[in-house]
Amino acid sequence: MKDQKPSDSKQFVGNLKNGIWLFGLSSWVFGITDRSIASFADGYLSALDLTQLFTAATFFVAWLFLKPASRV
């Protein structure tokens, strides 16, 4: 019984990490899509629009590198 507790908690934490990462991934995709639509809506890209898109894309790529290690 004592051996199952750490295994269950490790599995829970692993599932929680993957869930948070997937939620963040979908949030970043939504955010970049929203910023892109807002930037291209008026047909003119300002320096502020490009800065916001570049910043969001940079954070999105950084988020991809934070993917939790897969459980084997």
PDB file of N, CA and C in Angstrom:
ATOM      1  N   MET A   1       0.821  -1.180   0.000  1.00  0.00           N
ATOM      2  CA  MET A   1       0.000   0.000   0.000  1.00  0.00           C
ATOM      3  C   MET A   1       0.873   1.255   0.000  1.00  0.00           C
ATOM      4  N   LYS A   2       1.985   1.219   0.724  1.00  0.00           N
ATOM      5  CA  LYS A   2       2.846   2.395   0.768  1.00  0.00           C
ATOM      6  C   LYS A   2       3.531   2.645  -0.564  1.00  0.00           C
ATOM      7  N   ASP A   3       3.773   1.588  -1.349  1.00  0.00           N
ATOM      8  CA  ASP A   3       4.425   1.760  -2.637  1.00  0.00           C
ATOM      9  C   ASP A   3       3.504   2.406  -3.663  1.00  0.00           C
ATOM     10  N   GLN A   4       2.215   2.277  -3.514  1.00  0.00           N
ATOM     11  CA  GLN A   4       1.273   2.826  -4.482  1.00  0.00           C
ATOM     12  C   GLN A   4       1.069   4.328  -4.298  1.00  0.00           C
ATOM     13  N   LYS A   5       1.221   4.844  -3.111  1.00  0.00           N
ATOM     14  CA  LYS A   5       0.994   6.267  -2.848  1.00  0.00           C
ATOM     15  C   LYS A   5       1.945   7.161  -3.649  1.00  0.00           C
ATOM     16  N   PRO A   6       3.266   6.947  -3.601  1.00  0.00           N
ATOM     17  CA  PRO A   6       4.153   7.798  -4.390  1.00  0.00           C
ATOM     18  C   PRO A   6       3.895   7.657  -5.891  1.00  0.00           C
ATOM     19  N   SER A   7       3.565   6.471  -6.338  1.00  0.00           N
ATOM     20  CA  SER A   7       3.307   6.273  -7.753  1.00  0.00           C
ATOM     21  C   SER A   7       2.065   7.036  -8.191  1.00  0.00           C
ATOM     22  N   ASP A   8       1.018   6.987  -7.366  1.00  0.00           N
ATOM     23  CA  ASP A   8      -0.211   7.720  -7.683  1.00  0.00           C
ATOM     24  C   ASP A   8       0.020   9.223  -7.679  1.00  0.00           C
ATOM     25  N   SER A   9       0.777   9.698  -6.717  1.00  0.00           N
ATOM     26  CA  SER A   9       1.027  11.135  -6.651  1.00  0.00           C
ATOM     27  C   SER A   9       1.915  11.591  -7.808  1.00  0.00           C
ATOM     28  N   LYS A  10       2.890  10.768  -8.190  1.00  0.00           N
ATOM     29  CA  LYS A  10       3.727  11.117  -9.339  1.00  0.00           C
ATOM     30  C   LYS A  10       2.910  11.155 -10.618  1.00  0.00           C
ATOM     31  N   GLN A  11       1.987  10.218 -10.750  1.00  0.00           N
ATOM     32  CA  GLN A  11       1.135  10.199 -11.933  1.00  0.00           C
ATOM     33  C   GLN A  11       0.221  11.423 -11.951  1.00  0.00           C
ATOM     34  N   PHE A  12      -0.315  11.781 -10.796  1.00  0.00           N
ATOM     35  CA  PHE A  12      -1.172  12.960 -10.705  1.00  0.00           C
ATOM     36  C   PHE A  12      -0.399  14.221 -11.070  1.00  0.00           C
ATOM     37  N   VAL A  13       0.796  14.370 -10.523  1.00  0.00           N
ATOM     38  CA  VAL A  13       1.607  15.555 -10.814  1.00  0.00           C
ATOM     39  C   VAL A  13       1.982  15.586 -12.288  1.00  0.00           C
ATOM     40  N   GLY A  14       2.301  14.438 -12.865  1.00  0.00           N
ATOM     41  CA  GLY A  14       2.614  14.376 -14.290  1.00  0.00           C
ATOM     42  C   GLY A  14       1.429  14.772 -15.148  1.00  0.00           C
ATOM     43  N   ASN A  15       0.257  14.276 -14.798  1.00  0.00           N
ATOM     44  CA  ASN A  15      -0.952  14.650 -15.538  1.00  0.00           C
ATOM     45  C   ASN A  15      -1.265  16.131 -15.371  1.00  0.00           C
ATOM     46  N   LEU A  16      -1.038  16.663 -14.168  1.00  0.00           N
ATOM     47  CA  LEU A  16      -1.270  18.078 -13.916  1.00  0.00           C
ATOM     48  C   LEU A  16      -0.326  18.944 -14.756  1.00  0.00           C
ATOM     49  N   LYS A  17       0.946  18.550 -14.813  1.00  0.00           N
ATOM     50  CA  LYS A  17       1.915  19.295 -15.622  1.00  0.00           C
ATOM     51  C   LYS A  17       1.516  19.294 -17.091  1.00  0.00           C
ATOM     52  N   ASN A  18       1.134  18.131 -17.600  1.00  0.00           N
ATOM     53  CA  ASN A  18       0.728  18.050 -19.002  1.00  0.00           C
ATOM     54  C   ASN A  18      -0.532  18.855 -19.260  1.00  0.00           C
ATOM     55  N   GLY A  19      -1.469  18.830 -18.330  1.00  0.00           N
ATOM     56  CA  GLY A  19      -2.693  19.602 -18.480  1.00  0.00           C
ATOM     57  C   GLY A  19      -2.442  21.091 -18.498  1.00  0.00           C
ATOM     58  N   ILE A  20      -1.582  21.557 -17.602  1.00  0.00           N
ATOM     59  CA  ILE A  20      -1.237  22.980 -17.570  1.00  0.00           C
ATOM     60  C   ILE A  20      -0.515  23.375 -18.848  1.00  0.00           C
ATOM     61  N   TRP A  21       0.374  22.520 -19.317  1.00  0.00           N
ATOM     62  CA  TRP A  21       1.114  22.828 -20.540  1.00  0.00           C
ATOM     63  C   TRP A  21       0.167  22.890 -21.737  1.00  0.00           C
ATOM     64  N   LEU A  22      -0.765  21.957 -21.838  1.00  0.00           N
ATOM     65  CA  LEU A  22      -1.715  21.970 -22.952  1.00  0.00           C
ATOM     66  C   LEU A  22      -2.638  23.184 -22.884  1.00  0.00           C
ATOM     67  N   PHE A  23      -3.065  23.558 -21.675  1.00  0.00           N
ATOM     68  CA  PHE A  23      -3.885  24.760 -21.526  1.00  0.00           C
ATOM     69  C   PHE A  23      -3.097  25.997 -21.954  1.00  0.00           C
ATOM     70  N   GLY A  24      -1.844  26.081 -21.545  1.00  0.00           N
ATOM     71  CA  GLY A  24      -1.001  27.204 -21.946  1.00  0.00           C
ATOM     72  C   GLY A  24      -0.763  27.234 -23.442  1.00  0.00           C
ATOM     73  N   LEU A  25      -0.582  26.067 -24.032  1.00  0.00           N
ATOM     74  CA  LEU A  25      -0.375  25.983 -25.477  1.00  0.00           C
ATOM     75  C   LEU A  25      -1.587  26.521 -26.223  1.00  0.00           C
ATOM     76  N   SER A  26      -2.770  26.084 -25.826  1.00  0.00           N
ATOM     77  CA  SER A  26      -3.976  26.572 -26.495  1.00  0.00           C
ATOM     78  C   SER A  26      -4.181  28.069 -26.244  1.00  0.00           C
ATOM     79  N   SER A  27      -3.801  28.538 -25.071  1.00  0.00           N
ATOM     80  CA  SER A  27      -3.922  29.966 -24.772  1.00  0.00           C
ATOM     81  C   SER A  27      -2.993  30.799 -25.648  1.00  0.00           C
ATOM     82  N   TRP A  28      -1.763  30.325 -25.825  1.00  0.00           N
ATOM     83  CA  TRP A  28      -0.827  31.059 -26.676  1.00  0.00           C
ATOM     84  C   TRP A  28      -1.277  31.065 -28.129  1.00  0.00           C
ATOM     85  N   VAL A  29      -1.800  29.947 -28.612  1.00  0.00           N
ATOM     86  CA  VAL A  29      -2.294  29.902 -29.996  1.00  0.00           C
ATOM     87  C   VAL A  29      -3.460  30.876 -30.159  1.00  0.00           C
ATOM     88  N   PHE A  30      -4.367  30.880 -29.193  1.00  0.00           N
ATOM     89  CA  PHE A  30      -5.482  31.826 -29.246  1.00  0.00           C
ATOM     90  C   PHE A  30      -4.974  33.266 -29.214  1.00  0.00           C
ATOM     91  N   GLY A  31      -4.030  33.556 -28.330  1.00  0.00           N
ATOM     92  CA  GLY A  31      -3.502  34.908 -28.208  1.00  0.00           C
ATOM     93  C   GLY A  31      -2.821  35.394 -29.472  1.00  0.00           C
ATOM     94  N   ILE A  32      -2.020  34.537 -30.084  1.00  0.00           N
ATOM     95  CA  ILE A  32      -1.332  34.927 -31.327  1.00  0.00           C
ATOM     96  C   ILE A  32      -2.344  35.116 -32.447  1.00  0.00           C
ATOM     97  N   THR A  33      -3.336  34.246 -32.511  1.00  0.00           N
ATOM     98  CA  THR A  33      -4.375  34.383 -33.535  1.00  0.00           C
ATOM     99  C   THR A  33      -5.151  35.681 -33.332  1.00  0.00           C
ATOM    100  N   ASP A  34      -5.505  35.982 -32.107  1.00  0.00           N
ATOM    101  CA  ASP A  34      -6.239  37.211 -31.796  1.00  0.00           C
ATOM    102  C   ASP A  34      -5.421  38.442 -32.161  1.00  0.00           C
ATOM    103  N   ARG A  35      -4.151  38.448 -31.778  1.00  0.00           N
ATOM    104  CA  ARG A  35      -3.289  39.591 -32.104  1.00  0.00           C
ATOM    105  C   ARG A  35      -3.103  39.732 -33.613  1.00  0.00           C
ATOM    106  N   SER A  36      -2.997  38.614 -34.320  1.00  0.00           N
ATOM    107  CA  SER A  36      -2.825  38.666 -35.767  1.00  0.00           C
ATOM    108  C   SER A  36      -4.061  39.243 -36.442  1.00  0.00           C
ATOM    109  N   ILE A  37      -5.226  38.787 -36.024  1.00  0.00           N
ATOM    110  CA  ILE A  37      -6.467  39.312 -36.608  1.00  0.00           C
ATOM    111  C   ILE A  37      -6.613  40.800 -36.302  1.00  0.00           C
ATOM    112  N   ALA A  38      -6.318  41.188 -35.071  1.00  0.00           N
ATOM    113  CA  ALA A  38      -6.415  42.600 -34.694  1.00  0.00           C
ATOM    114  C   ALA A  38      -5.391  43.448 -35.454  1.00  0.00           C
ATOM    115  N   SER A  39      -4.233  42.904 -35.700  1.00  0.00           N
ATOM    116  CA  SER A  39      -3.194  43.660 -36.396  1.00  0.00           C
ATOM    117  C   SER A  39      -3.512  43.843 -37.876  1.00  0.00           C
ATOM    118  N   PHE A  40      -4.045  42.795 -38.485  1.00  0.00           N
ATOM    119  CA  PHE A  40      -4.322  42.854 -39.920  1.00  0.00           C
ATOM    120  C   PHE A  40      -5.720  43.373 -40.241  1.00  0.00           C
ATOM    121  N   ALA A  41      -6.529  43.676 -39.237  1.00  0.00           N
ATOM    122  CA  ALA A  41      -7.911  44.104 -39.472  1.00  0.00           C
ATOM    123  C   ALA A  41      -7.981  45.439 -40.209  1.00  0.00           C
ATOM    124  N   ASP A  42      -7.091  46.354 -39.875  1.00  0.00           N
ATOM    125  CA  ASP A  42      -7.140  47.666 -40.521  1.00  0.00           C
ATOM    126  C   ASP A  42      -6.286  47.733 -41.783  1.00  0.00           C
ATOM    127  N   GLY A  43      -5.588  46.663 -42.098  1.00  0.00           N
ATOM    128  CA  GLY A  43      -4.782  46.627 -43.319  1.00  0.00           C
ATOM    129  C   GLY A  43      -3.455  47.345 -43.202  1.00  0.00           C
ATOM    130  N   TYR A  44      -3.109  47.774 -42.024  1.00  0.00           N
ATOM    131  CA  TYR A  44      -1.861  48.501 -41.819  1.00  0.00           C
ATOM    132  C   TYR A  44      -1.164  47.935 -40.596  1.00  0.00           C
ATOM    133  N   LEU A  45       0.098  47.555 -40.756  1.00  0.00           N
ATOM    134  CA  LEU A  45       0.887  47.035 -39.638  1.00  0.00           C
ATOM    135  C   LEU A  45       1.767  48.146 -39.086  1.00  0.00           C
ATOM    136  N   SER A  46       1.539  48.491 -37.849  1.00  0.00           N
ATOM    137  CA  SER A  46       2.382  49.493 -37.213  1.00  0.00           C
ATOM    138  C   SER A  46       3.545  48.798 -36.504  1.00  0.00           C
ATOM    139  N   ALA A  47       4.481  49.595 -36.039  1.00  0.00           N
ATOM    140  CA  ALA A  47       5.622  49.044 -35.312  1.00  0.00           C
ATOM    141  C   ALA A  47       5.155  48.391 -34.012  1.00  0.00           C
ATOM    142  N   LEU A  48       4.134  48.961 -33.387  1.00  0.00           N
ATOM    143  CA  LEU A  48       3.602  48.380 -32.151  1.00  0.00           C
ATOM    144  C   LEU A  48       2.965  47.016 -32.422  1.00  0.00           C
ATOM    145  N   ASP A  49       2.239  46.888 -33.536  1.00  0.00           N
ATOM    146  CA  ASP A  49       1.642  45.601 -33.896  1.00  0.00           C
ATOM    147  C   ASP A  49       2.715  44.541 -34.126  1.00  0.00           C
ATOM    148  N   LEU A  50       3.748  44.904 -34.843  1.00  0.00           N
ATOM    149  CA  LEU A  50       4.833  43.958 -35.103  1.00  0.00           C
ATOM    150  C   LEU A  50       5.551  43.568 -33.812  1.00  0.00           C
ATOM    151  N   THR A  51       5.745  44.522 -32.919  1.00  0.00           N
ATOM    152  CA  THR A  51       6.391  44.237 -31.641  1.00  0.00           C
ATOM    153  C   THR A  51       5.551  43.269 -30.813  1.00  0.00           C
ATOM    154  N   GLN A  52       4.242  43.500 -30.780  1.00  0.00           N
ATOM    155  CA  GLN A  52       3.361  42.611 -30.029  1.00  0.00           C
ATOM    156  C   GLN A  52       3.343  41.209 -30.621  1.00  0.00           C
ATOM    157  N   LEU A  53       3.295  41.099 -31.927  1.00  0.00           N
ATOM    158  CA  LEU A  53       3.308  39.779 -32.564  1.00  0.00           C
ATOM    159  C   LEU A  53       4.630  39.061 -32.333  1.00  0.00           C
ATOM    160  N   PHE A  54       5.735  39.780 -32.451  1.00  0.00           N
ATOM    161  CA  PHE A  54       7.044  39.181 -32.231  1.00  0.00           C
ATOM    162  C   PHE A  54       7.199  38.716 -30.784  1.00  0.00           C
ATOM    163  N   THR A  55       6.732  39.537 -29.840  1.00  0.00           N
ATOM    164  CA  THR A  55       6.819  39.167 -28.426  1.00  0.00           C
ATOM    165  C   THR A  55       5.976  37.934 -28.132  1.00  0.00           C
ATOM    166  N   ALA A  56       4.754  37.914 -28.640  1.00  0.00           N
ATOM    167  CA  ALA A  56       3.876  36.760 -28.418  1.00  0.00           C
ATOM    168  C   ALA A  56       4.465  35.499 -29.058  1.00  0.00           C
ATOM    169  N   ALA A  57       5.016  35.616 -30.246  1.00  0.00           N
ATOM    170  CA  ALA A  57       5.616  34.460 -30.913  1.00  0.00           C
ATOM    171  C   ALA A  57       6.845  33.959 -30.151  1.00  0.00           C
ATOM    172  N   THR A  58       7.623  34.873 -29.594  1.00  0.00           N
ATOM    173  CA  THR A  58       8.804  34.486 -28.818  1.00  0.00           C
ATOM    174  C   THR A  58       8.409  33.729 -27.560  1.00  0.00           C
ATOM    175  N   PHE A  59       7.414  34.237 -26.851  1.00  0.00           N
ATOM    176  CA  PHE A  59       6.943  33.543 -25.658  1.00  0.00           C
ATOM    177  C   PHE A  59       6.303  32.198 -25.995  1.00  0.00           C
ATOM    178  N   PHE A  60       5.647  32.118 -27.149  1.00  0.00           N
ATOM    179  CA  PHE A  60       5.053  30.856 -27.581  1.00  0.00           C
ATOM    180  C   PHE A  60       6.133  29.805 -27.827  1.00  0.00           C
ATOM    181  N   VAL A  61       7.190  30.190 -28.491  1.00  0.00           N
ATOM    182  CA  VAL A  61       8.299  29.256 -28.733  1.00  0.00           C
ATOM    183  C   VAL A  61       8.947  28.848 -27.414  1.00  0.00           C
ATOM    184  N   ALA A  62       9.092  29.793 -26.501  1.00  0.00           N
ATOM    185  CA  ALA A  62       9.648  29.458 -25.184  1.00  0.00           C
ATOM    186  C   ALA A  62       8.736  28.479 -24.461  1.00  0.00           C
ATOM    187  N   TRP A  63       7.427  28.652 -24.585  1.00  0.00           N
ATOM    188  CA  TRP A  63       6.473  27.736 -23.952  1.00  0.00           C
ATOM    189  C   TRP A  63       6.609  26.330 -24.530  1.00  0.00           C
ATOM    190  N   LEU A  64       6.861  26.234 -25.823  1.00  0.00           N
ATOM    191  CA  LEU A  64       7.043  24.919 -26.442  1.00  0.00           C
ATOM    192  C   LEU A  64       8.232  24.177 -25.838  1.00  0.00           C
ATOM    193  N   PHE A  65       9.283  24.909 -25.493  1.00  0.00           N
ATOM    194  CA  PHE A  65      10.456  24.285 -24.896  1.00  0.00           C
ATOM    195  C   PHE A  65      10.228  23.864 -23.446  1.00  0.00           C
ATOM    196  N   LEU A  66       9.161  24.346 -22.821  1.00  0.00           N
ATOM    197  CA  LEU A  66       8.847  23.997 -21.442  1.00  0.00           C
ATOM    198  C   LEU A  66       7.988  22.747 -21.327  1.00  0.00           C
ATOM    199  N   LYS A  67       7.812  22.021 -22.420  1.00  0.00           N
ATOM    200  CA  LYS A  67       6.982  20.829 -22.390  1.00  0.00           C
ATOM    201  C   LYS A  67       7.534  19.835 -21.368  1.00  0.00           C
ATOM    202  N   PRO A  68       6.653  19.319 -20.508  1.00  0.00           N
ATOM    203  CA  PRO A  68       7.113  18.352 -19.501  1.00  0.00           C
ATOM    204  C   PRO A  68       7.640  17.082 -20.181  1.00  0.00           C
ATOM    205  N   ALA A  69       8.592  16.453 -19.531  1.00  0.00           N
ATOM    206  CA  ALA A  69       9.160  15.219 -20.064  1.00  0.00           C
ATOM    207  C   ALA A  69       8.082  14.137 -20.114  1.00  0.00           C
ATOM    208  N   SER A  70       8.056  13.400 -21.198  1.00  0.00           N
ATOM    209  CA  SER A  70       7.045  12.356 -21.328  1.00  0.00           C
ATOM    210  C   SER A  70       7.386  11.191 -20.412  1.00  0.00           C
ATOM    211  N   ARG A  71       6.346  10.594 -19.875  1.00  0.00           N
ATOM    212  CA  ARG A  71       6.523   9.451 -18.977  1.00  0.00           C
ATOM    213  C   ARG A  71       6.656   8.187 -19.824  1.00  0.00           C
ATOM    214  N   VAL A  72       7.701   7.400 -19.574  1.00  0.00           N
ATOM    215  CA  VAL A  72       7.920   6.172 -20.339  1.00  0.00           C
ATOM    216  C   VAL A  72       7.605   4.972 -19.486  1.00  0.00           C
TER     217      VAL A  72
END
